[in-house]
Amino acid sequence: MISACSAGAKVKVLDIKYLASNKVFLLSIERTKVETGQDNKKNQ
């Protein structure tokens, strides 16, 4: 899931955090292309 969300995005290694006590993974990404609508989906 993380790979799919961050594909084509800018990710700084310093901005990746894991809070073990809360079992939370934090990832700050900058997506330059954000998909909207149904244009990029395949016809089924």
C-alpha atoms as a PDB file:
ATOM      1  CA  MET A   1       0.000   0.000   0.000  1.00  0.00           C
ATOM      2  CA  ILE A   2       2.813   2.393   0.860  1.00  0.00           C
ATOM      3  CA  SER A   3       4.474   1.730  -2.481  1.00  0.00           C
ATOM      4  CA  ALA A   4       1.263   2.439  -4.401  1.00  0.00           C
ATOM      5  CA  CYS A   5       0.646   5.702  -2.539  1.00  0.00           C
ATOM      6  CA  SER A   6       4.166   6.994  -2.965  1.00  0.00           C
ATOM      7  CA  ALA A   7       4.738   5.952  -6.607  1.00  0.00           C
ATOM      8  CA  GLY A   8       5.914   8.976  -8.575  1.00  0.00           C
ATOM      9  CA  ALA A   9       6.073  11.143  -5.458  1.00  0.00           C
ATOM     10  CA  LYS A  10       8.911  12.953  -3.746  1.00  0.00           C
ATOM     11  CA  VAL A  11       9.753  11.378  -0.398  1.00  0.00           C
ATOM     12  CA  LYS A  12      12.403  12.668   2.005  1.00  0.00           C
ATOM     13  CA  VAL A  13      14.028   9.940   4.069  1.00  0.00           C
ATOM     14  CA  LEU A  14      14.232  12.312   7.036  1.00  0.00           C
ATOM     15  CA  ASP A  15      10.418  12.657   6.973  1.00  0.00           C
ATOM     16  CA  ILE A  16       9.790   8.908   7.459  1.00  0.00           C
ATOM     17  CA  LYS A  17       8.988   8.011  11.061  1.00  0.00           C
ATOM     18  CA  TYR A  18       7.765   4.912  12.889  1.00  0.00           C
ATOM     19  CA  LEU A  19       6.292   5.325  16.346  1.00  0.00           C
ATOM     20  CA  ALA A  20       6.633   1.843  17.799  1.00  0.00           C
ATOM     21  CA  SER A  21       4.753   2.605  21.016  1.00  0.00           C
ATOM     22  CA  ASN A  22       1.652   3.633  19.014  1.00  0.00           C
ATOM     23  CA  LYS A  23       2.300   1.303  16.045  1.00  0.00           C
ATOM     24  CA  VAL A  24       2.042   4.311  13.701  1.00  0.00           C
ATOM     25  CA  PHE A  25       3.982   4.814  10.476  1.00  0.00           C
ATOM     26  CA  LEU A  26       4.289   8.446   9.328  1.00  0.00           C
ATOM     27  CA  LEU A  27       5.232   9.316   5.767  1.00  0.00           C
ATOM     28  CA  SER A  28       5.270  12.795   4.285  1.00  0.00           C
ATOM     29  CA  ILE A  29       5.081  12.769   0.475  1.00  0.00           C
ATOM     30  CA  GLU A  30       4.689  15.355  -2.262  1.00  0.00           C
ATOM     31  CA  ARG A  31       2.660  14.104  -5.199  1.00  0.00           C
ATOM     32  CA  THR A  32       3.222  16.090  -8.362  1.00  0.00           C
ATOM     33  CA  LYS A  33       0.507  14.332 -10.375  1.00  0.00           C
ATOM     34  CA  VAL A  34      -2.795  13.693  -8.625  1.00  0.00           C
ATOM     35  CA  GLU A  35      -5.306  11.574 -10.483  1.00  0.00           C
ATOM     36  CA  THR A  36      -8.868  12.865 -10.672  1.00  0.00           C
ATOM     37  CA  GLY A  37     -12.028  11.274 -11.948  1.00  0.00           C
ATOM     38  CA  GLN A  38     -12.233   8.107 -14.018  1.00  0.00           C
ATOM     39  CA  ASP A  39      -9.876   9.116 -16.856  1.00  0.00           C
ATOM     40  CA  ASN A  40      -6.977   6.837 -15.913  1.00  0.00           C
ATOM     41  CA  LYS A  41      -9.001   3.664 -15.229  1.00  0.00           C
ATOM     42  CA  LYS A  42      -9.151   0.763 -17.655  1.00  0.00           C
ATOM     43  CA  ASN A  43     -12.465  -0.154 -19.246  1.00  0.00           C
ATOM     44  CA  GLN A  44     -13.772  -3.405 -17.823  1.00  0.00           C
END
